[in-house]
């Protein structure tokens, strides 16, 4: 993505990333977490606002800091960092709401030429089948891999 990003930090395993969104609603802590799923080498991308009081991540919150492109670009940058340290991993991503999944699809579509140079991107269509990502198609979820030859579909 050709957008500016926030500086972020990660712990040693590169599974957890933290950064701060800055805007009219203040400085908001954001967390990106890659957690293992029941399927070998598949990690779920979790993302949301970090609540200091409850020590929980809220993936339904709406920050409204006017920096959504910068936040999305930062999350995309953590994908690259995670896959650099875990090259055999697959990342499963979907929004916590339909509108957020749509936002992710738009972000991938708008940056597809650059993203597809380094990553294989699959989309889960409404029929429940994985297919190579097609700009303009509607998807329920996404699967990303640094290894472009991992799937034969």
C-alpha atoms as a PDB file:
ATOM      1  CA  UNK A   1       0.000   0.000   0.000  1.00  0.00           C
ATOM      2  CA  UNK A   2       1.278   3.428  -0.841  1.00  0.00           C
ATOM      3  CA  UNK A   3      -0.136   5.178   2.199  1.00  0.00           C
ATOM      4  CA  UNK A   4       1.728   6.399   5.265  1.00  0.00           C
ATOM      5  CA  UNK A   5       1.672   4.067   8.248  1.00  0.00           C
ATOM      6  CA  UNK A   6       1.890   4.478  11.981  1.00  0.00           C
ATOM      7  CA  UNK A   7       4.995   3.249  13.730  1.00  0.00           C
ATOM      8  CA  UNK A   8       4.228   0.000  15.499  1.00  0.00           C
ATOM      9  CA  UNK A   9       5.943  -2.382  17.831  1.00  0.00           C
ATOM     10  CA  UNK A  10       5.800  -6.131  18.174  1.00  0.00           C
ATOM     11  CA  UNK A  11       6.819  -8.742  20.647  1.00  0.00           C
ATOM     12  CA  UNK A  12       9.575 -11.245  19.707  1.00  0.00           C
ATOM     13  CA  UNK A  13       7.319 -13.813  18.003  1.00  0.00           C
ATOM     14  CA  UNK A  14       5.690 -11.181  15.747  1.00  0.00           C
ATOM     15  CA  UNK A  15       2.206 -12.393  16.702  1.00  0.00           C
ATOM     16  CA  UNK A  16       1.120  -9.188  18.461  1.00  0.00           C
ATOM     17  CA  UNK A  17       1.517  -5.643  17.148  1.00  0.00           C
ATOM     18  CA  UNK A  18       0.568  -2.356  18.797  1.00  0.00           C
ATOM     19  CA  UNK A  19       0.276   1.168  17.424  1.00  0.00           C
ATOM     20  CA  UNK A  20      -1.564   4.386  18.206  1.00  0.00           C
ATOM     21  CA  UNK A  21      -4.165   6.092  16.023  1.00  0.00           C
ATOM     22  CA  UNK A  22      -3.993   9.866  16.330  1.00  0.00           C
ATOM     23  CA  UNK A  23      -6.768  12.281  15.415  1.00  0.00           C
ATOM     24  CA  UNK A  24      -9.632  14.435  16.647  1.00  0.00           C
ATOM     25  CA  UNK A  25     -10.744  11.752  19.123  1.00  0.00           C
ATOM     26  CA  UNK A  26      -7.295  11.575  20.692  1.00  0.00           C
ATOM     27  CA  UNK A  27      -4.648   8.900  20.778  1.00  0.00           C
ATOM     28  CA  UNK A  28      -6.209   5.426  20.575  1.00  0.00           C
ATOM     29  CA  UNK A  29      -4.250   2.210  21.114  1.00  0.00           C
ATOM     30  CA  UNK A  30      -4.733  -0.378  18.366  1.00  0.00           C
ATOM     31  CA  UNK A  31      -3.814  -4.061  18.486  1.00  0.00           C
ATOM     32  CA  UNK A  32      -3.213  -6.457  15.599  1.00  0.00           C
ATOM     33  CA  UNK A  33      -2.935 -10.085  16.682  1.00  0.00           C
ATOM     34  CA  UNK A  34      -2.190 -13.204  14.664  1.00  0.00           C
ATOM     35  CA  UNK A  35      -3.576 -16.190  16.544  1.00  0.00           C
ATOM     36  CA  UNK A  36      -3.298 -19.847  15.623  1.00  0.00           C
ATOM     37  CA  UNK A  37      -6.410 -21.624  14.404  1.00  0.00           C
ATOM     38  CA  UNK A  38      -7.260 -25.329  14.514  1.00  0.00           C
ATOM     39  CA  UNK A  39      -5.828 -25.643  10.991  1.00  0.00           C
ATOM     40  CA  UNK A  40      -2.061 -26.058  10.806  1.00  0.00           C
ATOM     41  CA  UNK A  41      -0.218 -22.899   9.660  1.00  0.00           C
ATOM     42  CA  UNK A  42      -3.430 -20.848   9.436  1.00  0.00           C
ATOM     43  CA  UNK A  43      -3.553 -17.738  11.615  1.00  0.00           C
ATOM     44  CA  UNK A  44      -6.508 -15.476  12.267  1.00  0.00           C
ATOM     45  CA  UNK A  45      -5.877 -11.752  11.917  1.00  0.00           C
ATOM     46  CA  UNK A  46      -7.543  -9.984  14.817  1.00  0.00           C
ATOM     47  CA  UNK A  47      -7.647  -6.196  14.995  1.00  0.00           C
ATOM     48  CA  UNK A  48      -9.254  -3.542  17.140  1.00  0.00           C
ATOM     49  CA  UNK A  49      -8.991  -0.838  19.760  1.00  0.00           C
ATOM     50  CA  UNK A  50      -7.213  -1.792  22.960  1.00  0.00           C
ATOM     51  CA  UNK A  51      -9.083  -0.905  26.143  1.00  0.00           C
ATOM     52  CA  UNK A  52      -6.510  -0.126  28.831  1.00  0.00           C
ATOM     53  CA  UNK A  53      -9.092  -0.593  31.621  1.00  0.00           C
ATOM     54  CA  UNK A  54     -10.359  -4.038  30.636  1.00  0.00           C
ATOM     55  CA  UNK A  55      -7.127  -5.186  28.904  1.00  0.00           C
ATOM     56  CA  UNK A  56      -9.290  -6.384  25.981  1.00  0.00           C
ATOM     57  CA  UNK A  57      -9.370  -5.701  22.254  1.00  0.00           C
ATOM     58  CA  UNK A  58     -12.660  -4.353  20.907  1.00  0.00           C
ATOM     59  CA  UNK A  59     -13.030  -5.236  17.226  1.00  0.00           C
ATOM     60  CA  UNK A  60     -16.423  -3.512  16.999  1.00  0.00           C
ATOM     61  CA  UNK A  61     -15.324  -0.043  18.142  1.00  0.00           C
ATOM     62  CA  UNK A  62     -15.385   2.903  15.753  1.00  0.00           C
ATOM     63  CA  UNK A  63     -12.588   5.360  16.465  1.00  0.00           C
ATOM     64  CA  UNK A  64     -13.562   8.070  13.935  1.00  0.00           C
ATOM     65  CA  UNK A  65     -10.090   9.616  14.005  1.00  0.00           C
ATOM     66  CA  UNK A  66     -10.151  10.397  10.282  1.00  0.00           C
ATOM     67  CA  UNK A  67      -7.169   8.138   9.663  1.00  0.00           C
ATOM     68  CA  UNK A  68      -8.768   4.951   8.340  1.00  0.00           C
ATOM     69  CA  UNK A  69      -6.401   4.698   5.335  1.00  0.00           C
ATOM     70  CA  UNK A  70      -3.365   5.097   7.584  1.00  0.00           C
ATOM     71  CA  UNK A  71      -4.744   2.530  10.044  1.00  0.00           C
ATOM     72  CA  UNK A  72      -5.521   0.048   7.241  1.00  0.00           C
ATOM     73  CA  UNK A  73      -2.052   0.576   5.737  1.00  0.00           C
ATOM     74  CA  UNK A  74      -0.506  -0.051   9.157  1.00  0.00           C
ATOM     75  CA  UNK A  75      -2.436  -3.304   9.568  1.00  0.00           C
ATOM     76  CA  UNK A  76      -1.287  -4.320   6.059  1.00  0.00           C
ATOM     77  CA  UNK A  77       2.295  -3.562   7.068  1.00  0.00           C
ATOM     78  CA  UNK A  78       1.969  -5.922  10.043  1.00  0.00           C
ATOM     79  CA  UNK A  79       0.823  -8.644   7.608  1.00  0.00           C
ATOM     80  CA  UNK A  80       4.121  -8.249   5.768  1.00  0.00           C
ATOM     81  CA  UNK A  81       6.107  -8.296   9.010  1.00  0.00           C
ATOM     82  CA  UNK A  82       4.259 -11.361  10.307  1.00  0.00           C
ATOM     83  CA  UNK A  83       4.723 -13.301   7.058  1.00  0.00           C
ATOM     84  CA  UNK A  84       8.383 -12.299   6.870  1.00  0.00           C
ATOM     85  CA  UNK A  85       8.922 -14.104  10.183  1.00  0.00           C
ATOM     86  CA  UNK A  86       6.413 -16.900   9.455  1.00  0.00           C
ATOM     87  CA  UNK A  87       6.776 -17.514   5.693  1.00  0.00           C
ATOM     88  CA  UNK A  88       4.769 -20.766   5.685  1.00  0.00           C
ATOM     89  CA  UNK A  89       1.803 -19.183   7.462  1.00  0.00           C
ATOM     90  CA  UNK A  90      -1.554 -18.416   5.907  1.00  0.00           C
ATOM     91  CA  UNK A  91      -3.509 -15.465   7.235  1.00  0.00           C
ATOM     92  CA  UNK A  92      -7.288 -15.684   7.513  1.00  0.00           C
ATOM     93  CA  UNK A  93      -8.968 -12.286   7.653  1.00  0.00           C
ATOM     94  CA  UNK A  94     -12.552 -11.134   7.814  1.00  0.00           C
ATOM     95  CA  UNK A  95     -14.190  -8.076   9.303  1.00  0.00           C
ATOM     96  CA  UNK A  96     -16.141  -8.143  12.552  1.00  0.00           C
ATOM     97  CA  UNK A  97     -19.045  -6.741  10.516  1.00  0.00           C
ATOM     98  CA  UNK A  98     -20.070  -6.918   6.838  1.00  0.00           C
ATOM     99  CA  UNK A  99     -19.104  -3.271   6.365  1.00  0.00           C
ATOM    100  CA  UNK A 100     -15.607  -3.934   7.726  1.00  0.00           C
ATOM    101  CA  UNK A 101     -15.178  -6.953   5.455  1.00  0.00           C
ATOM    102  CA  UNK A 102     -16.237  -4.672   2.594  1.00  0.00           C
ATOM    103  CA  UNK A 103     -13.659  -2.092   3.713  1.00  0.00           C
ATOM    104  CA  UNK A 104     -10.941  -4.784   3.659  1.00  0.00           C
ATOM    105  CA  UNK A 105     -12.051  -5.885   0.181  1.00  0.00           C
ATOM    106  CA  UNK A 106     -11.897  -2.292  -1.058  1.00  0.00           C
ATOM    107  CA  UNK A 107      -8.447  -1.860   0.477  1.00  0.00           C
ATOM    108  CA  UNK A 108      -7.191  -5.024  -1.219  1.00  0.00           C
ATOM    109  CA  UNK A 109      -8.836  -4.052  -4.524  1.00  0.00           C
ATOM    110  CA  UNK A 110      -7.396  -0.532  -4.519  1.00  0.00           C
ATOM    111  CA  UNK A 111      -3.902  -1.891  -3.900  1.00  0.00           C
ATOM    112  CA  UNK A 112      -4.180  -5.213  -5.708  1.00  0.00           C
ATOM    113  CA  UNK A 113      -1.374  -4.694  -8.255  1.00  0.00           C
ATOM    114  CA  UNK A 114       1.150  -3.985  -5.486  1.00  0.00           C
ATOM    115  CA  UNK A 115      -0.179  -6.602  -3.050  1.00  0.00           C
ATOM    116  CA  UNK A 116      -0.352  -9.381  -5.633  1.00  0.00           C
ATOM    117  CA  UNK A 117       3.346  -8.968  -6.459  1.00  0.00           C
ATOM    118  CA  UNK A 118       4.257 -10.373  -3.048  1.00  0.00           C
ATOM    119  CA  UNK A 119       1.202 -12.296  -1.881  1.00  0.00           C
ATOM    120  CA  UNK A 120      -1.338 -14.825  -3.024  1.00  0.00           C
ATOM    121  CA  UNK A 121      -4.807 -13.609  -2.057  1.00  0.00           C
ATOM    122  CA  UNK A 122      -7.873 -15.808  -2.024  1.00  0.00           C
ATOM    123  CA  UNK A 123     -11.445 -14.725  -1.394  1.00  0.00           C
ATOM    124  CA  UNK A 124     -14.211 -16.819   0.145  1.00  0.00           C
ATOM    125  CA  UNK A 125     -17.199 -16.349  -2.150  1.00  0.00           C
ATOM    126  CA  UNK A 126     -20.878 -16.492  -1.127  1.00  0.00           C
ATOM    127  CA  UNK A 127     -21.058 -20.152  -2.217  1.00  0.00           C
ATOM    128  CA  UNK A 128     -18.438 -20.982   0.423  1.00  0.00           C
ATOM    129  CA  UNK A 129     -15.608 -21.643  -2.021  1.00  0.00           C
ATOM    130  CA  UNK A 130     -12.116 -20.156  -2.023  1.00  0.00           C
ATOM    131  CA  UNK A 131     -11.052 -18.544  -5.293  1.00  0.00           C
ATOM    132  CA  UNK A 132      -8.236 -16.325  -6.462  1.00  0.00           C
ATOM    133  CA  UNK A 133      -9.104 -12.755  -5.498  1.00  0.00           C
ATOM    134  CA  UNK A 134     -10.881 -10.856  -8.271  1.00  0.00           C
ATOM    135  CA  UNK A 135     -11.135  -7.081  -8.056  1.00  0.00           C
ATOM    136  CA  UNK A 136     -14.812  -6.135  -7.869  1.00  0.00           C
ATOM    137  CA  UNK A 137     -16.007  -9.509  -6.572  1.00  0.00           C
ATOM    138  CA  UNK A 138     -17.720  -9.758  -3.185  1.00  0.00           C
ATOM    139  CA  UNK A 139     -16.108 -11.948  -0.512  1.00  0.00           C
ATOM    140  CA  UNK A 140     -16.929 -13.117   3.006  1.00  0.00           C
ATOM    141  CA  UNK A 141     -13.276 -13.578   4.052  1.00  0.00           C
ATOM    142  CA  UNK A 142      -9.728 -13.537   2.732  1.00  0.00           C
ATOM    143  CA  UNK A 143      -6.722 -15.831   2.888  1.00  0.00           C
ATOM    144  CA  UNK A 144      -3.233 -14.457   2.280  1.00  0.00           C
ATOM    145  CA  UNK A 145       0.030 -16.271   1.744  1.00  0.00           C
ATOM    146  CA  UNK A 146       3.566 -15.220   0.947  1.00  0.00           C
ATOM    147  CA  UNK A 147       3.972 -18.536  -0.895  1.00  0.00           C
ATOM    148  CA  UNK A 148       2.156 -17.986  -4.190  1.00  0.00           C
ATOM    149  CA  UNK A 149       2.336 -21.691  -5.080  1.00  0.00           C
ATOM    150  CA  UNK A 150       0.729 -23.004  -1.903  1.00  0.00           C
ATOM    151  CA  UNK A 151      -2.674 -23.592  -3.513  1.00  0.00           C
ATOM    152  CA  UNK A 152      -3.630 -25.355  -6.662  1.00  0.00           C
ATOM    153  CA  UNK A 153      -7.098 -23.985  -7.374  1.00  0.00           C
END
